[in-house]
């Protein structure tokens, strides 16, 4: 072997050795991050949304004063900053950037736990890595004008909309059949696009007295419990939306792919924990909200609801008009961000938030009260649904109208999560 070839071999070996050492350092930091997140979960039962890492780490998590958690955070911040100066390859740099964003959100959440007054916009930036677009009241007026043209008649727009929805509400005793059919269809279509782990499964449960409409509790080993809240009646379109959002290719698939590809195959245990109030929620909620748009065309949605879901629900009404109306209603998601911002920043109280949701968001009073309580509990988290969905759509559809390529980009996004700022950089 020549002298130059020998040097090249030594260089390759040194690079590989350095990468292995760097990966191990990141493994060590991933344990630090995961254990700290589990400890914070002792202060807030909502903070750890899912965990499927080493059982001993969870068993060893115990309640510690915030001051002690703050010391652990500051110590870890120094370690992370020093490590960031290393010359990492592309894969490890991506791993480091994910950990950095998640770690910084822990600092913000500790501030909240300590009672620091953080504005809605600052919280969104520090917890979810994104700015919040200002909502224009002119946009609200535009939506209302369009709805007035779609729903002519006497009485307030809120009253006319509430009356219009009555023909599309699924009776509670029909909900299981309708939701099961929607989940099965979503799963069938998702499996045609990419491979999901073998033996994955979703269990469905019907519950009451929650601030949310539906929830995915990912249990690990590719299994989810999806709960559907029965407090408020749901219209027909919500069943496909929730099936794709909570199940396929939404939260269930998102978590299952991370468990399979990142936790089990790579041993990256930072992905075995899902802190709810952290940057990964921007992608989790955004991709779940976008899922149905990718899975089915508007015509396919109407056909499936007309031919399968409506008969199961015992309903018969004009779905074309219905989806025009609800296309307008979906645009009110940015108005909801506005209401939550006013509430978080203490410019209004819960009663006024509910009133705005009735008068301008067109909710029923009971649903508005439930939604206002969701805002009060989750604050700026609400932006992940609307702003997050638009960011995912822009990233997936960037530079291509080819549906197959869009699916590839979507799968890549679920398999290797990106933060809000990373999506902005690459699109």
Protein backbone atom coordinates (compact mmCIF):
# COMPACT_ATOMS: atom_id res chain seq x y z
CA UNK A 1 0.00 0.00 0.00
CA UNK A 2 1.34 3.46 -0.91
CA UNK A 3 2.11 6.16 1.63
CA UNK A 4 -0.84 8.28 0.40
CA UNK A 5 -3.23 5.31 0.53
CA UNK A 6 -2.08 4.51 4.06
CA UNK A 7 -2.72 8.10 5.17
CA UNK A 8 -6.13 8.06 3.52
CA UNK A 9 -7.04 4.85 5.36
CA UNK A 10 -5.89 6.34 8.64
CA UNK A 11 -7.95 9.46 7.97
CA UNK A 12 -11.09 7.43 7.24
CA UNK A 13 -10.55 5.37 10.41
CA UNK A 14 -10.04 8.54 12.46
CA UNK A 15 -13.23 10.07 11.04
CA UNK A 16 -15.23 6.93 11.84
CA UNK A 17 -13.79 6.78 15.33
CA UNK A 18 -14.67 10.45 15.87
CA UNK A 19 -18.24 9.88 14.61
CA UNK A 20 -18.69 6.91 16.94
CA UNK A 21 -17.41 8.97 19.88
CA UNK A 22 -19.65 11.91 18.93
CA UNK A 23 -22.67 9.64 18.61
CA UNK A 24 -21.97 8.21 22.07
CA UNK A 25 -21.74 11.73 23.49
CA UNK A 26 -25.11 12.50 21.96
CA UNK A 27 -26.46 9.25 23.43
CA UNK A 28 -25.28 10.44 26.84
CA UNK A 29 -26.92 13.82 26.35
CA UNK A 30 -30.12 12.15 25.13
CA UNK A 31 -30.29 10.33 28.46
CA UNK A 32 -29.77 13.62 30.30
CA UNK A 33 -32.53 15.25 28.25
CA UNK A 34 -34.97 12.37 28.67
CA UNK A 35 -34.45 12.07 32.41
CA UNK A 36 -34.92 15.81 32.89
CA UNK A 37 -38.12 15.80 30.84
CA UNK A 38 -39.44 12.91 32.94
CA UNK A 39 -38.60 14.86 36.12
CA UNK A 40 -40.47 17.92 34.82
CA UNK A 41 -43.41 15.62 34.19
CA UNK A 42 -43.62 15.14 37.96
CA UNK A 43 -44.69 18.80 38.19
CA UNK A 44 -47.16 18.76 35.28
CA UNK A 45 -49.13 15.66 34.35
CA UNK A 46 -49.68 17.00 30.83
CA UNK A 47 -46.02 17.62 30.03
CA UNK A 48 -44.95 14.08 29.04
CA UNK A 49 -47.43 13.13 26.34
CA UNK A 50 -45.78 9.79 25.50
CA UNK A 51 -42.83 7.76 26.73
CA UNK A 52 -41.56 4.41 25.49
CA UNK A 53 -37.92 4.48 26.55
CA UNK A 54 -36.15 2.45 29.26
CA UNK A 55 -38.60 1.59 32.00
CA UNK A 56 -35.98 2.15 34.69
CA UNK A 57 -35.60 5.81 33.70
CA UNK A 58 -39.32 6.31 34.21
CA UNK A 59 -39.32 4.40 37.48
CA UNK A 60 -36.38 6.45 38.77
CA UNK A 61 -38.02 9.80 37.95
CA UNK A 62 -39.09 11.58 41.13
CA UNK A 63 -40.35 14.97 42.20
CA UNK A 64 -37.55 17.51 42.60
CA UNK A 65 -37.77 21.23 43.42
CA UNK A 66 -37.76 23.49 40.38
CA UNK A 67 -34.50 25.03 41.60
CA UNK A 68 -32.78 21.62 41.32
CA UNK A 69 -34.20 21.05 37.87
CA UNK A 70 -32.94 24.49 36.88
CA UNK A 71 -29.41 23.57 37.99
CA UNK A 72 -29.57 20.39 35.91
CA UNK A 73 -30.77 22.40 32.95
CA UNK A 74 -27.98 24.97 33.22
CA UNK A 75 -25.35 22.25 33.55
CA UNK A 76 -26.72 20.46 30.50
CA UNK A 77 -26.80 23.73 28.54
CA UNK A 78 -23.06 24.12 29.02
CA UNK A 79 -22.44 20.56 27.85
CA UNK A 80 -24.64 21.09 24.79
CA UNK A 81 -23.00 24.40 23.88
CA UNK A 82 -19.52 22.87 24.05
CA UNK A 83 -20.58 19.87 21.98
CA UNK A 84 -22.08 22.15 19.33
CA UNK A 85 -18.62 23.41 18.49
CA UNK A 86 -17.63 19.96 17.19
CA UNK A 87 -17.31 19.26 13.49
CA UNK A 88 -20.24 16.85 13.09
CA UNK A 89 -21.29 15.00 9.97
CA UNK A 90 -24.71 15.73 8.45
CA UNK A 91 -26.61 13.04 10.35
CA UNK A 92 -25.14 13.89 13.75
CA UNK A 93 -25.55 17.61 13.12
CA UNK A 94 -29.24 16.99 12.46
CA UNK A 95 -29.50 14.96 15.65
CA UNK A 96 -27.72 17.67 17.62
CA UNK A 97 -30.02 20.40 16.23
CA UNK A 98 -33.11 18.44 17.27
CA UNK A 99 -31.77 17.98 20.79
CA UNK A 100 -30.79 21.64 20.99
CA UNK A 101 -34.28 22.87 20.07
CA UNK A 102 -35.95 20.45 22.48
CA UNK A 103 -33.50 21.37 25.25
CA UNK A 104 -34.07 25.11 24.83
CA UNK A 105 -37.82 24.55 25.19
CA UNK A 106 -37.18 22.92 28.57
CA UNK A 107 -35.64 26.20 29.76
CA UNK A 108 -38.73 28.08 28.64
CA UNK A 109 -41.03 25.61 30.36
CA UNK A 110 -39.08 25.86 33.59
CA UNK A 111 -39.62 29.61 33.41
CA UNK A 112 -43.36 29.00 33.14
CA UNK A 113 -43.31 26.57 36.06
CA UNK A 114 -41.53 29.23 38.13
CA UNK A 115 -44.35 31.66 37.37
CA UNK A 116 -42.55 33.93 34.92
CA UNK A 117 -44.91 36.06 32.87
CA UNK A 118 -44.25 35.07 29.24
CA UNK A 119 -46.30 36.54 26.40
CA UNK A 120 -48.13 34.37 23.90
CA UNK A 121 -45.74 35.30 21.08
CA UNK A 122 -42.61 34.73 23.16
CA UNK A 123 -43.94 31.41 24.41
CA UNK A 124 -44.63 30.25 20.84
CA UNK A 125 -41.11 31.18 19.82
CA UNK A 126 -39.40 29.56 22.81
CA UNK A 127 -41.55 26.42 23.08
CA UNK A 128 -42.41 25.75 19.43
CA UNK A 129 -39.61 27.54 17.54
CA UNK A 130 -41.97 29.69 15.50
CA UNK A 131 -43.31 33.19 15.12
CA UNK A 132 -47.08 33.75 15.22
CA UNK A 133 -48.63 35.59 12.25
CA UNK A 134 -50.84 38.51 13.20
CA UNK A 135 -54.52 37.87 12.55
CA UNK A 136 -56.31 40.53 10.52
CA UNK A 137 -59.85 41.34 11.56
CA UNK A 138 -60.43 42.09 7.87
CA UNK A 139 -59.88 38.35 7.25
CA UNK A 140 -62.55 37.60 9.86
CA UNK A 141 -64.98 39.91 8.07
CA UNK A 142 -64.16 38.24 4.74
CA UNK A 143 -64.90 34.79 6.16
CA UNK A 144 -68.17 35.99 7.66
CA UNK A 145 -69.21 37.59 4.36
CA UNK A 146 -68.58 34.36 2.48
CA UNK A 147 -70.53 32.37 5.07
CA UNK A 148 -73.41 34.86 4.88
CA UNK A 149 -73.63 34.20 1.15
CA UNK A 150 -73.56 30.43 1.68
CA UNK A 151 -76.06 30.49 4.55
CA UNK A 152 -78.65 33.18 3.74
CA UNK A 153 -81.67 33.74 5.96
CA UNK A 154 -82.85 35.42 9.12
CA UNK A 155 -81.13 35.57 12.47
CA UNK A 156 -77.46 35.89 13.36
CA UNK A 157 -74.80 34.07 11.38
CA UNK A 158 -73.99 32.00 14.46
CA UNK A 159 -77.66 30.93 14.71
CA UNK A 160 -77.90 30.07 11.00
CA UNK A 161 -74.66 28.09 11.14
CA UNK A 162 -75.81 26.17 14.21
CA UNK A 163 -79.11 25.33 12.50
CA UNK A 164 -77.29 24.31 9.31
CA UNK A 165 -75.08 21.86 11.20
CA UNK A 166 -78.04 19.96 12.67
CA UNK A 167 -78.52 17.93 9.49
CA UNK A 168 -74.90 16.73 9.66
CA UNK A 169 -74.51 15.81 13.33
CA UNK A 170 -73.76 12.13 13.92
CA UNK A 171 -75.97 10.63 16.67
CA UNK A 172 -73.87 9.45 19.59
CA UNK A 173 -75.08 5.86 19.26
CA UNK A 174 -73.80 5.86 15.66
CA UNK A 175 -70.40 7.37 16.51
CA UNK A 176 -68.50 4.06 16.99
CA UNK A 177 -69.57 2.65 13.62
CA UNK A 178 -68.77 5.90 11.81
CA UNK A 179 -65.41 6.42 13.50
CA UNK A 180 -64.32 2.80 13.02
CA UNK A 181 -65.13 3.03 9.32
CA UNK A 182 -63.17 6.27 9.03
CA UNK A 183 -60.13 4.82 10.84
CA UNK A 184 -60.17 1.68 8.72
CA UNK A 185 -60.31 3.72 5.50
CA UNK A 186 -57.48 5.98 6.64
CA UNK A 187 -55.33 2.98 7.56
CA UNK A 188 -56.02 1.26 4.22
CA UNK A 189 -55.04 4.34 2.21
CA UNK A 190 -51.96 5.09 4.32
CA UNK A 191 -50.60 1.54 3.90
CA UNK A 192 -50.80 2.00 0.12
CA UNK A 193 -48.38 4.91 0.34
CA UNK A 194 -45.65 3.71 2.68
CA UNK A 195 -44.75 0.86 4.98
CA UNK A 196 -45.76 1.18 8.59
CA UNK A 197 -44.48 -1.16 11.30
CA UNK A 198 -45.84 -4.69 11.46
CA UNK A 199 -48.25 -5.43 14.30
CA UNK A 200 -49.15 -1.74 14.76
CA UNK A 201 -52.59 -1.17 16.22
CA UNK A 202 -55.01 1.42 17.49
CA UNK A 203 -57.53 0.93 20.28
CA UNK A 204 -60.53 3.29 20.36
CA UNK A 205 -62.26 4.47 23.54
CA UNK A 206 -65.17 6.88 24.05
CA UNK A 207 -64.84 9.29 26.97
CA UNK A 208 -66.38 12.42 28.50
CA UNK A 209 -65.46 15.56 30.42
CA UNK A 210 -62.35 16.59 28.44
CA UNK A 211 -61.19 19.94 27.07
CA UNK A 212 -60.25 18.28 23.76
CA UNK A 213 -62.30 16.52 21.08
CA UNK A 214 -59.97 13.56 20.56
CA UNK A 215 -56.56 12.42 21.79
CA UNK A 216 -53.92 9.89 20.82
CA UNK A 217 -52.12 8.25 23.72
CA UNK A 218 -49.15 6.48 22.18
CA UNK A 219 -48.22 3.50 24.35
CA UNK A 220 -45.12 2.19 22.57
CA UNK A 221 -44.60 -1.07 20.68
CA UNK A 222 -46.54 0.53 17.81
CA UNK A 223 -49.79 0.73 19.78
CA UNK A 224 -52.03 3.74 20.38
CA UNK A 225 -55.11 4.42 22.44
CA UNK A 226 -57.33 6.93 20.65
CA UNK A 227 -59.96 8.55 22.82
CA UNK A 228 -62.96 10.34 21.32
CA UNK A 229 -64.69 12.83 23.61
CA UNK A 230 -68.48 12.52 23.62
CA UNK A 231 -69.22 15.82 25.43
CA UNK A 232 -70.12 17.69 22.24
CA UNK A 233 -71.94 16.36 19.17
CA UNK A 234 -69.69 16.01 16.12
CA UNK A 235 -70.59 16.70 12.51
CA UNK A 236 -69.85 14.13 9.83
CA UNK A 237 -66.62 15.68 8.50
CA UNK A 238 -64.93 15.47 11.90
CA UNK A 239 -64.78 11.68 11.79
CA UNK A 240 -62.42 11.46 8.81
CA UNK A 241 -60.47 14.46 10.13
CA UNK A 242 -59.99 12.82 13.53
CA UNK A 243 -59.24 9.38 12.06
CA UNK A 244 -56.42 10.82 9.97
CA UNK A 245 -55.25 13.26 12.65
CA UNK A 246 -55.10 10.86 15.58
CA UNK A 247 -54.45 7.70 13.60
CA UNK A 248 -53.38 7.28 9.97
CA UNK A 249 -51.16 8.92 8.79
CA UNK A 250 -51.28 11.29 11.77
CA UNK A 251 -50.12 10.92 15.37
CA UNK A 252 -50.14 7.12 15.51
CA UNK A 253 -48.00 6.71 12.40
CA UNK A 254 -45.75 9.64 13.38
CA UNK A 255 -44.93 8.05 16.73
CA UNK A 256 -44.67 4.52 15.35
CA UNK A 257 -42.15 5.55 12.68
CA UNK A 258 -40.01 7.36 15.24
CA UNK A 259 -40.06 4.33 17.53
CA UNK A 260 -39.12 1.98 14.70
CA UNK A 261 -36.57 4.04 12.75
CA UNK A 262 -34.98 6.26 15.37
CA UNK A 263 -35.40 4.57 18.76
CA UNK A 264 -35.14 0.87 17.90
CA UNK A 265 -32.92 0.99 14.81
CA UNK A 266 -30.60 3.87 15.73
CA UNK A 267 -30.86 3.85 19.52
CA UNK A 268 -31.66 7.58 19.62
CA UNK A 269 -33.59 7.61 22.88
CA UNK A 270 -34.41 11.32 22.75
CA UNK A 271 -37.23 10.28 20.42
CA UNK A 272 -38.66 7.88 23.02
CA UNK A 273 -40.18 10.80 24.92
CA UNK A 274 -42.65 13.37 23.67
CA UNK A 275 -42.74 16.52 25.80
CA UNK A 276 -46.04 18.09 24.77
CA UNK A 277 -44.92 21.69 25.15
CA UNK A 278 -41.88 21.50 22.88
CA UNK A 279 -40.90 22.08 19.22
CA UNK A 280 -41.85 18.58 18.09
CA UNK A 281 -45.53 19.44 18.67
CA UNK A 282 -45.37 21.97 15.84
CA UNK A 283 -44.66 19.14 13.43
CA UNK A 284 -46.84 16.57 15.21
CA UNK A 285 -49.99 18.70 15.10
CA UNK A 286 -49.18 20.30 11.76
CA UNK A 287 -48.60 16.98 10.00
CA UNK A 288 -51.67 15.41 11.64
CA UNK A 289 -53.87 18.31 10.51
CA UNK A 290 -52.43 18.11 6.99
CA UNK A 291 -52.82 14.32 6.78
CA UNK A 292 -56.33 14.19 5.32
CA UNK A 293 -55.47 16.75 2.63
CA UNK A 294 -52.67 14.47 1.44
CA UNK A 295 -54.58 11.23 1.88
CA UNK A 296 -57.72 12.07 -0.12
CA UNK A 297 -58.84 14.64 -2.66
CA UNK A 298 -61.90 16.80 -1.83
CA UNK A 299 -64.01 14.72 -4.23
CA UNK A 300 -62.80 11.46 -2.65
CA UNK A 301 -63.68 12.76 0.81
CA UNK A 302 -67.20 13.69 -0.27
CA UNK A 303 -67.69 10.34 -2.02
CA UNK A 304 -66.58 8.35 1.02
CA UNK A 305 -68.71 10.38 3.39
CA UNK A 306 -71.73 10.14 1.06
CA UNK A 307 -71.42 6.43 0.28
CA UNK A 308 -70.13 5.06 3.61
CA UNK A 309 -70.23 7.42 6.58
CA UNK A 310 -73.57 9.17 6.00
CA UNK A 311 -75.52 5.88 5.70
CA UNK A 312 -73.80 4.55 8.84
CA UNK A 313 -74.84 7.74 10.64
CA UNK A 314 -78.37 7.64 9.25
CA UNK A 315 -77.91 11.05 7.59
CA UNK A 316 -78.85 12.41 4.17
CA UNK A 317 -77.91 15.99 3.26
CA UNK A 318 -75.97 18.14 0.77
CA UNK A 319 -72.28 17.41 1.34
CA UNK A 320 -71.04 19.77 -1.39
CA UNK A 321 -72.52 22.82 0.35
CA UNK A 322 -71.44 21.43 3.70
CA UNK A 323 -67.78 21.29 2.70
CA UNK A 324 -67.90 24.78 1.21
CA UNK A 325 -69.18 26.04 4.55
CA UNK A 326 -66.61 24.13 6.57
CA UNK A 327 -63.83 25.26 4.27
CA UNK A 328 -64.62 28.77 5.53
CA UNK A 329 -64.88 27.59 9.13
CA UNK A 330 -61.41 26.04 8.97
CA UNK A 331 -59.97 29.44 8.10
CA UNK A 332 -61.15 30.61 11.51
CA UNK A 333 -58.28 28.63 13.04
CA UNK A 334 -56.14 31.75 12.89
CA UNK A 335 -58.91 33.68 14.67
CA UNK A 336 -58.76 31.08 17.45
CA UNK A 337 -55.03 31.77 17.77
CA UNK A 338 -55.97 35.43 18.21
CA UNK A 339 -58.47 34.64 20.97
CA UNK A 340 -56.01 32.37 22.77
CA UNK A 341 -53.39 35.12 22.54
CA UNK A 342 -55.74 37.66 24.12
CA UNK A 343 -56.53 35.18 26.90
CA UNK A 344 -52.90 34.21 27.52
CA UNK A 345 -51.80 37.84 27.60
CA UNK A 346 -54.60 38.59 30.09
CA UNK A 347 -56.35 41.05 27.80
CA UNK A 348 -59.59 39.09 28.20
CA UNK A 349 -60.96 36.50 30.65
CA UNK A 350 -62.48 33.07 30.02
CA UNK A 351 -65.99 34.47 29.77
CA UNK A 352 -64.98 36.98 27.10
CA UNK A 353 -62.97 34.33 25.23
CA UNK A 354 -66.06 32.11 25.09
CA UNK A 355 -68.18 35.05 23.91
CA UNK A 356 -65.77 35.79 21.05
CA UNK A 357 -65.81 32.13 20.04
CA UNK A 358 -69.62 32.22 19.91
CA UNK A 359 -70.09 35.57 18.18
CA UNK A 360 -67.16 35.44 15.75
CA UNK A 361 -65.95 31.83 15.83
CA UNK A 362 -69.58 30.61 15.47
CA UNK A 363 -69.34 28.02 18.25
CA UNK A 364 -72.28 26.93 20.34
CA UNK A 365 -72.03 28.30 23.91
CA UNK A 366 -71.16 24.90 25.44
CA UNK A 367 -68.51 24.17 22.81
CA UNK A 368 -67.08 27.70 23.18
CA UNK A 369 -66.74 27.20 26.93
CA UNK A 370 -64.91 23.89 26.37
CA UNK A 371 -62.62 25.48 23.78
CA UNK A 372 -61.81 28.45 26.01
CA UNK A 373 -60.76 26.04 28.75
CA UNK A 374 -58.48 24.33 26.23
CA UNK A 375 -56.87 27.71 25.47
CA UNK A 376 -56.48 28.46 29.15
CA UNK A 377 -54.74 25.12 29.77
CA UNK A 378 -52.55 25.01 26.66
CA UNK A 379 -51.95 28.70 25.83
CA UNK A 380 -49.86 29.12 22.65
CA UNK A 381 -50.04 25.38 21.84
CA UNK A 382 -53.05 26.21 19.66
CA UNK A 383 -50.81 27.69 16.93
CA UNK A 384 -49.41 24.24 16.11
CA UNK A 385 -52.66 23.25 14.41
CA UNK A 386 -53.02 26.11 11.94
CA UNK A 387 -49.54 27.61 11.56
CA UNK A 388 -48.03 24.12 11.80
CA UNK A 389 -50.34 22.70 9.14
CA UNK A 390 -49.54 25.48 6.71
CA UNK A 391 -45.80 25.00 7.29
CA UNK A 392 -46.03 21.24 6.68
CA UNK A 393 -48.12 21.77 3.55
CA UNK A 394 -45.58 24.27 2.19
CA UNK A 395 -42.67 21.93 2.92
CA UNK A 396 -44.30 18.81 1.49
CA UNK A 397 -45.60 20.55 -1.63
CA UNK A 398 -42.47 22.64 -2.20
CA UNK A 399 -41.36 22.52 -5.85
CA UNK A 400 -43.54 19.53 -6.76
CA UNK A 401 -47.14 18.81 -7.74
CA UNK A 402 -46.37 15.09 -8.01
CA UNK A 403 -48.43 13.29 -5.37
CA UNK A 404 -45.95 10.41 -5.10
CA UNK A 405 -43.10 12.84 -4.39
CA UNK A 406 -45.25 14.67 -1.87
CA UNK A 407 -45.83 11.38 -0.06
CA UNK A 408 -42.07 10.76 -0.05
CA UNK A 409 -41.46 14.18 1.49
CA UNK A 410 -44.22 13.63 4.04
CA UNK A 411 -42.83 10.23 5.04
CA UNK A 412 -39.34 11.73 5.35
CA UNK A 413 -40.73 14.44 7.60
CA UNK A 414 -42.42 11.90 9.90
CA UNK A 415 -39.40 9.60 9.91
CA UNK A 416 -36.86 12.31 10.74
CA UNK A 417 -38.67 15.24 12.40
CA UNK A 418 -37.72 18.83 11.60
CA UNK A 419 -38.37 21.89 13.74
CA UNK A 420 -40.28 24.91 12.50
CA UNK A 421 -37.13 26.88 11.69
CA UNK A 422 -35.59 23.88 9.87
CA UNK A 423 -38.65 23.59 7.63
CA UNK A 424 -38.45 27.28 6.79
CA UNK A 425 -34.78 26.95 5.86
CA UNK A 426 -35.29 24.03 3.49
CA UNK A 427 -38.40 24.98 1.61
